[in-house]
Amino acid sequence: MFRHRSSSILVPGIFSLNKFDMTRVVWTLKYAGVKNVSMLDGGYNKWVEEKKVISIEQVKPKSKTYKGEINKNLIVDKNYVMSRIDKAIIVDVREPDFFQGKKKLDFVAKPGRIKKAVNLPNSLAFNKDSTLKTKEELEKVATGVIGTDKTKEIITYCDTGKTCTAWAIILSDILGYKDVKIYDGSTEEWAKDPAAPWEQ
């Protein structure tokens, strides 16, 4: 059951578990055609810490038919990335040790990164309390890595297609980059393919 795609939806998230679950939900709703979807900065945890109003009352929304219009421009596959590797800005949001091939997760076939990728780690986007840094701080970090041309195509990736949604949201919704996508398969898929351009 969804609200109509013109409704406003706020995703609070529980940051003590994983803030990237929240960013993935937001990006998936955008992909499903929901126009006005956003996340609560700092998540439910910060809301409670600041002693803001909470409720335990059960909400019973009215059911409506949702006619989704999938936005295929937001999530792309391996073949698309391969076709755009010399044209788009490929952004690796993992931490530097993973980007440089010093570390890898067990399910990723080999250490390293997609060829020609640039590194924009998620840790640079958040404060210690998991709130986002200011727009000015985010702009400085982002433009230092991907430049100031906000019409350039940008494809973010990580290891599983989840954590890359954080910078995707920041770039598109906060900083105004016009053409931002995520690569859903990310390194879990890419590193298994010997034909996929790779470097360490």
C-alpha atoms as a PDB file:
ATOM      1  CA  MET A   1       0.000   0.000   0.000  1.00  0.00           C
ATOM      2  CA  PHE A   2       1.409   3.357  -1.064  1.00  0.00           C
ATOM      3  CA  ARG A   3       0.227   6.892  -0.869  1.00  0.00           C
ATOM      4  CA  HIS A   4      -0.440   8.680  -4.111  1.00  0.00           C
ATOM      5  CA  ARG A   5       2.816   9.643  -5.788  1.00  0.00           C
ATOM      6  CA  SER A   6       2.067  13.348  -5.253  1.00  0.00           C
ATOM      7  CA  SER A   7       1.935  12.882  -1.462  1.00  0.00           C
ATOM      8  CA  SER A   8       4.836  13.860   0.772  1.00  0.00           C
ATOM      9  CA  ILE A   9       6.602  10.945   2.464  1.00  0.00           C
ATOM     10  CA  LEU A  10       9.193  11.264   5.233  1.00  0.00           C
ATOM     11  CA  VAL A  11      11.421   8.283   6.025  1.00  0.00           C
ATOM     12  CA  PRO A  12      12.724   8.565   9.628  1.00  0.00           C
ATOM     13  CA  GLY A  13      15.108   5.609   9.860  1.00  0.00           C
ATOM     14  CA  ILE A  14      16.822   4.201  12.945  1.00  0.00           C
ATOM     15  CA  PHE A  15      20.434   5.322  12.703  1.00  0.00           C
ATOM     16  CA  SER A  16      21.610   3.074  15.538  1.00  0.00           C
ATOM     17  CA  LEU A  17      20.956   0.170  13.173  1.00  0.00           C
ATOM     18  CA  ASN A  18      21.968   1.435   9.737  1.00  0.00           C
ATOM     19  CA  LYS A  19      21.341   4.877   8.287  1.00  0.00           C
ATOM     20  CA  PHE A  20      21.859   3.498   4.791  1.00  0.00           C
ATOM     21  CA  ASP A  21      18.712   1.387   5.081  1.00  0.00           C
ATOM     22  CA  MET A  22      16.900   4.720   5.178  1.00  0.00           C
ATOM     23  CA  THR A  23      18.709   6.217   2.191  1.00  0.00           C
ATOM     24  CA  ARG A  24      18.060   3.077   0.148  1.00  0.00           C
ATOM     25  CA  VAL A  25      14.340   3.249   0.991  1.00  0.00           C
ATOM     26  CA  VAL A  26      14.227   6.900  -0.084  1.00  0.00           C
ATOM     27  CA  TRP A  27      15.980   6.185  -3.400  1.00  0.00           C
ATOM     28  CA  THR A  28      13.746   3.157  -4.080  1.00  0.00           C
ATOM     29  CA  LEU A  29      10.621   5.245  -3.503  1.00  0.00           C
ATOM     30  CA  LYS A  30      11.966   7.859  -5.906  1.00  0.00           C
ATOM     31  CA  TYR A  31      12.613   5.053  -8.403  1.00  0.00           C
ATOM     32  CA  ALA A  32       8.999   3.923  -7.934  1.00  0.00           C
ATOM     33  CA  GLY A  33       7.814   7.368  -8.974  1.00  0.00           C
ATOM     34  CA  VAL A  34       7.123   8.976  -5.602  1.00  0.00           C
ATOM     35  CA  LYS A  35       7.819  12.658  -6.194  1.00  0.00           C
ATOM     36  CA  ASN A  36       8.049  14.123  -2.701  1.00  0.00           C
ATOM     37  CA  VAL A  37      10.083  11.778  -0.541  1.00  0.00           C
ATOM     38  CA  SER A  38      12.732  12.810   1.963  1.00  0.00           C
ATOM     39  CA  MET A  39      14.644  11.499   4.969  1.00  0.00           C
ATOM     40  CA  LEU A  40      14.726  12.758   8.549  1.00  0.00           C
ATOM     41  CA  ASP A  41      18.187  14.169   9.236  1.00  0.00           C
ATOM     42  CA  GLY A  42      19.648  12.253  12.160  1.00  0.00           C
ATOM     43  CA  GLY A  43      16.837   9.726  12.014  1.00  0.00           C
ATOM     44  CA  TYR A  44      14.425   8.653  14.714  1.00  0.00           C
ATOM     45  CA  ASN A  45      17.269   8.425  17.232  1.00  0.00           C
ATOM     46  CA  LYS A  46      18.012  12.150  17.105  1.00  0.00           C
ATOM     47  CA  TRP A  47      14.304  12.977  17.192  1.00  0.00           C
ATOM     48  CA  VAL A  48      13.992  11.078  20.491  1.00  0.00           C
ATOM     49  CA  GLU A  49      17.235  12.531  21.891  1.00  0.00           C
ATOM     50  CA  GLU A  50      15.861  16.031  21.293  1.00  0.00           C
ATOM     51  CA  LYS A  51      12.698  15.062  23.206  1.00  0.00           C
ATOM     52  CA  LYS A  52      10.402  15.815  20.295  1.00  0.00           C
ATOM     53  CA  VAL A  53       6.855  14.510  20.185  1.00  0.00           C
ATOM     54  CA  ILE A  54       6.443  10.783  19.580  1.00  0.00           C
ATOM     55  CA  SER A  55       3.346   8.603  19.534  1.00  0.00           C
ATOM     56  CA  ILE A  56       2.542   4.940  20.081  1.00  0.00           C
ATOM     57  CA  GLU A  57      -0.898   5.307  18.538  1.00  0.00           C
ATOM     58  CA  GLN A  58      -1.473   2.919  15.666  1.00  0.00           C
ATOM     59  CA  VAL A  59      -1.931   4.676  12.339  1.00  0.00           C
ATOM     60  CA  LYS A  60      -4.484   3.281   9.920  1.00  0.00           C
ATOM     61  CA  PRO A  61      -3.952   4.958   6.548  1.00  0.00           C
ATOM     62  CA  LYS A  62      -6.694   4.781   3.962  1.00  0.00           C
ATOM     63  CA  SER A  63      -5.903   2.440   1.124  1.00  0.00           C
ATOM     64  CA  LYS A  64      -5.593   3.939  -2.358  1.00  0.00           C
ATOM     65  CA  THR A  65      -4.584   2.538  -5.708  1.00  0.00           C
ATOM     66  CA  TYR A  66      -1.012   3.503  -6.556  1.00  0.00           C
ATOM     67  CA  LYS A  67      -0.180   3.836 -10.225  1.00  0.00           C
ATOM     68  CA  GLY A  68       3.577   3.926 -10.165  1.00  0.00           C
ATOM     69  CA  GLU A  69       5.709   5.280 -12.955  1.00  0.00           C
ATOM     70  CA  ILE A  70       9.137   3.703 -12.654  1.00  0.00           C
ATOM     71  CA  ASN A  71      11.946   6.223 -13.105  1.00  0.00           C
ATOM     72  CA  LYS A  72      14.477   4.062 -14.929  1.00  0.00           C
ATOM     73  CA  ASN A  73      17.008   6.902 -14.894  1.00  0.00           C
ATOM     74  CA  LEU A  74      17.731   6.409 -11.187  1.00  0.00           C
ATOM     75  CA  ILE A  75      18.967   2.795 -11.054  1.00  0.00           C
ATOM     76  CA  VAL A  76      21.211   1.292 -13.731  1.00  0.00           C
ATOM     77  CA  ASP A  77      22.755  -2.104 -14.434  1.00  0.00           C
ATOM     78  CA  LYS A  78      26.239  -3.352 -15.273  1.00  0.00           C
ATOM     79  CA  ASN A  79      25.833  -3.100 -19.042  1.00  0.00           C
ATOM     80  CA  TYR A  80      24.754   0.518 -18.754  1.00  0.00           C
ATOM     81  CA  VAL A  81      27.756   1.406 -16.591  1.00  0.00           C
ATOM     82  CA  MET A  82      30.099  -0.322 -19.051  1.00  0.00           C
ATOM     83  CA  SER A  83      28.605   1.721 -21.886  1.00  0.00           C
ATOM     84  CA  ARG A  84      29.113   4.993 -19.984  1.00  0.00           C
ATOM     85  CA  ILE A  85      32.452   4.374 -18.283  1.00  0.00           C
ATOM     86  CA  ASP A  86      34.297   6.858 -20.514  1.00  0.00           C
ATOM     87  CA  LYS A  87      31.572   9.515 -20.362  1.00  0.00           C
ATOM     88  CA  ALA A  88      29.941   9.542 -16.928  1.00  0.00           C
ATOM     89  CA  ILE A  89      31.586  10.335 -13.593  1.00  0.00           C
ATOM     90  CA  ILE A  90      31.732   7.018 -11.738  1.00  0.00           C
ATOM     91  CA  VAL A  91      31.698   7.669  -7.985  1.00  0.00           C
ATOM     92  CA  ASP A  92      32.866   5.065  -5.464  1.00  0.00           C
ATOM     93  CA  VAL A  93      31.426   5.937  -2.042  1.00  0.00           C
ATOM     94  CA  ARG A  94      33.382   3.311  -0.082  1.00  0.00           C
ATOM     95  CA  GLU A  95      36.106   4.264   2.349  1.00  0.00           C
ATOM     96  CA  PRO A  96      39.625   4.829   0.909  1.00  0.00           C
ATOM     97  CA  ASP A  97      41.036   1.447   2.008  1.00  0.00           C
ATOM     98  CA  PHE A  98      38.367  -0.314  -0.039  1.00  0.00           C
ATOM     99  CA  PHE A  99      38.699   2.077  -2.988  1.00  0.00           C
ATOM    100  CA  GLN A 100      42.481   1.566  -3.034  1.00  0.00           C
ATOM    101  CA  GLY A 101      42.192  -2.217  -2.820  1.00  0.00           C
ATOM    102  CA  LYS A 102      43.742  -2.547   0.644  1.00  0.00           C
ATOM    103  CA  LYS A 103      40.550  -4.113   1.993  1.00  0.00           C
ATOM    104  CA  LYS A 104      37.498  -5.862   0.594  1.00  0.00           C
ATOM    105  CA  LEU A 105      34.350  -7.503   1.873  1.00  0.00           C
ATOM    106  CA  ASP A 106      34.234 -11.304   1.741  1.00  0.00           C
ATOM    107  CA  PHE A 107      31.552 -11.464  -0.933  1.00  0.00           C
ATOM    108  CA  VAL A 108      33.436  -9.160  -3.333  1.00  0.00           C
ATOM    109  CA  ALA A 109      35.514 -11.289  -5.710  1.00  0.00           C
ATOM    110  CA  LYS A 110      38.654  -9.140  -5.702  1.00  0.00           C
ATOM    111  CA  PRO A 111      40.020  -5.934  -4.177  1.00  0.00           C
ATOM    112  CA  GLY A 112      39.975  -2.670  -6.098  1.00  0.00           C
ATOM    113  CA  ARG A 113      37.484  -0.484  -7.900  1.00  0.00           C
ATOM    114  CA  ILE A 114      35.690   0.124 -11.168  1.00  0.00           C
ATOM    115  CA  LYS A 115      38.144   1.561 -13.659  1.00  0.00           C
ATOM    116  CA  LYS A 116      38.203   5.376 -13.818  1.00  0.00           C
ATOM    117  CA  ALA A 117      36.120   5.737 -10.643  1.00  0.00           C
ATOM    118  CA  VAL A 118      36.696   8.620  -8.236  1.00  0.00           C
ATOM    119  CA  ASN A 119      36.400   8.300  -4.464  1.00  0.00           C
ATOM    120  CA  LEU A 120      33.781  10.214  -2.471  1.00  0.00           C
ATOM    121  CA  PRO A 121      33.517   8.327   0.847  1.00  0.00           C
ATOM    122  CA  ASN A 122      30.251   8.335   2.757  1.00  0.00           C
ATOM    123  CA  SER A 123      32.108   9.292   5.928  1.00  0.00           C
ATOM    124  CA  LEU A 124      32.723  12.756   4.462  1.00  0.00           C
ATOM    125  CA  ALA A 125      28.986  13.434   4.324  1.00  0.00           C
ATOM    126  CA  PHE A 126      28.034  12.834   7.948  1.00  0.00           C
ATOM    127  CA  ASN A 127      28.788  14.273  11.361  1.00  0.00           C
ATOM    128  CA  LYS A 128      29.600  11.999  14.313  1.00  0.00           C
ATOM    129  CA  ASP A 129      25.932  12.001  15.359  1.00  0.00           C
ATOM    130  CA  SER A 130      24.966  10.781  11.860  1.00  0.00           C
ATOM    131  CA  THR A 131      23.394  14.085  10.852  1.00  0.00           C
ATOM    132  CA  LEU A 132      24.375  15.448   7.475  1.00  0.00           C
ATOM    133  CA  LYS A 133      27.050  18.090   7.244  1.00  0.00           C
ATOM    134  CA  THR A 134      25.960  21.550   6.111  1.00  0.00           C
ATOM    135  CA  LYS A 135      25.159  22.216   2.486  1.00  0.00           C
ATOM    136  CA  GLU A 136      28.285  24.368   2.219  1.00  0.00           C
ATOM    137  CA  GLU A 137      30.471  21.577   3.608  1.00  0.00           C
ATOM    138  CA  LEU A 138      28.897  18.987   1.316  1.00  0.00           C
ATOM    139  CA  GLU A 139      29.311  21.269  -1.702  1.00  0.00           C
ATOM    140  CA  LYS A 140      33.002  21.777  -0.954  1.00  0.00           C
ATOM    141  CA  VAL A 141      33.646  18.050  -0.609  1.00  0.00           C
ATOM    142  CA  ALA A 142      31.627  17.098  -3.688  1.00  0.00           C
ATOM    143  CA  THR A 143      32.987  19.723  -6.066  1.00  0.00           C
ATOM    144  CA  GLY A 144      36.515  18.870  -4.985  1.00  0.00           C
ATOM    145  CA  VAL A 145      35.987  15.349  -6.315  1.00  0.00           C
ATOM    146  CA  ILE A 146      33.452  15.559  -9.148  1.00  0.00           C
ATOM    147  CA  GLY A 147      33.640  19.196 -10.193  1.00  0.00           C
ATOM    148  CA  THR A 148      31.119  21.998 -10.486  1.00  0.00           C
ATOM    149  CA  ASP A 149      29.333  20.994 -13.711  1.00  0.00           C
ATOM    150  CA  LYS A 150      25.945  19.924 -12.396  1.00  0.00           C
ATOM    151  CA  THR A 151      24.743  18.663 -15.766  1.00  0.00           C
ATOM    152  CA  LYS A 152      27.305  15.846 -15.907  1.00  0.00           C
ATOM    153  CA  GLU A 153      26.012  12.304 -15.576  1.00  0.00           C
ATOM    154  CA  ILE A 154      27.010  10.773 -12.230  1.00  0.00           C
ATOM    155  CA  ILE A 155      26.777   7.092 -11.294  1.00  0.00           C
ATOM    156  CA  THR A 156      27.410   6.145  -7.669  1.00  0.00           C
ATOM    157  CA  TYR A 157      28.264   2.652  -6.472  1.00  0.00           C
ATOM    158  CA  CYS A 158      29.382   0.789  -3.337  1.00  0.00           C
ATOM    159  CA  ASP A 159      29.524  -2.946  -2.618  1.00  0.00           C
ATOM    160  CA  THR A 160      25.822  -3.842  -2.667  1.00  0.00           C
ATOM    161  CA  GLY A 161      23.873  -0.893  -4.080  1.00  0.00           C
ATOM    162  CA  LYS A 162      22.734   0.351  -0.671  1.00  0.00           C
ATOM    163  CA  THR A 163      25.258   2.788   0.792  1.00  0.00           C
ATOM    164  CA  CYS A 164      25.754   4.520  -2.579  1.00  0.00           C
ATOM    165  CA  THR A 165      22.247   5.957  -2.229  1.00  0.00           C
ATOM    166  CA  ALA A 166      23.425   8.417   0.443  1.00  0.00           C
ATOM    167  CA  TRP A 167      25.631  10.473  -1.860  1.00  0.00           C
ATOM    168  CA  ALA A 168      23.103  10.006  -4.671  1.00  0.00           C
ATOM    169  CA  ILE A 169      20.465  11.752  -2.552  1.00  0.00           C
ATOM    170  CA  ILE A 170      22.879  14.449  -1.415  1.00  0.00           C
ATOM    171  CA  LEU A 171      24.066  15.211  -4.940  1.00  0.00           C
ATOM    172  CA  SER A 172      20.609  15.290  -6.514  1.00  0.00           C
ATOM    173  CA  ASP A 173      18.328  16.618  -3.776  1.00  0.00           C
ATOM    174  CA  ILE A 174      20.632  18.917  -1.799  1.00  0.00           C
ATOM    175  CA  LEU A 175      23.366  20.030  -4.194  1.00  0.00           C
ATOM    176  CA  GLY A 176      21.310  20.140  -7.386  1.00  0.00           C
ATOM    177  CA  TYR A 177      23.184  17.759  -9.687  1.00  0.00           C
ATOM    178  CA  LYS A 178      20.740  16.994 -12.483  1.00  0.00           C
ATOM    179  CA  ASP A 179      21.650  13.477 -13.631  1.00  0.00           C
ATOM    180  CA  VAL A 180      22.457  11.128 -10.753  1.00  0.00           C
ATOM    181  CA  LYS A 181      22.057   7.354 -10.865  1.00  0.00           C
ATOM    182  CA  ILE A 182      23.124   4.399  -8.733  1.00  0.00           C
ATOM    183  CA  TYR A 183      24.643   1.168 -10.001  1.00  0.00           C
ATOM    184  CA  ASP A 184      22.594  -1.455  -8.194  1.00  0.00           C
ATOM    185  CA  GLY A 185      24.944  -4.414  -8.673  1.00  0.00           C
ATOM    186  CA  SER A 186      27.994  -2.457  -7.491  1.00  0.00           C
ATOM    187  CA  THR A 187      31.277  -4.299  -6.799  1.00  0.00           C
ATOM    188  CA  GLU A 188      29.491  -7.484  -5.717  1.00  0.00           C
ATOM    189  CA  GLU A 189      28.446  -7.958  -9.345  1.00  0.00           C
ATOM    190  CA  TRP A 190      31.145  -6.024 -11.213  1.00  0.00           C
ATOM    191  CA  ALA A 191      34.164  -7.769  -9.654  1.00  0.00           C
ATOM    192  CA  LYS A 192      32.889 -11.199 -10.753  1.00  0.00           C
ATOM    193  CA  ASP A 193      32.973 -10.276 -14.443  1.00  0.00           C
ATOM    194  CA  PRO A 194      36.443 -10.588 -16.021  1.00  0.00           C
ATOM    195  CA  ALA A 195      35.273  -8.368 -18.885  1.00  0.00           C
ATOM    196  CA  ALA A 196      34.293  -5.500 -16.578  1.00  0.00           C
ATOM    197  CA  PRO A 197      37.050  -2.823 -16.443  1.00  0.00           C
ATOM    198  CA  TRP A 198      38.762  -2.962 -13.044  1.00  0.00           C
ATOM    199  CA  GLU A 199      41.780  -1.464 -11.356  1.00  0.00           C
ATOM    200  CA  GLN A 200      43.559  -1.669  -8.033  1.00  0.00           C
END
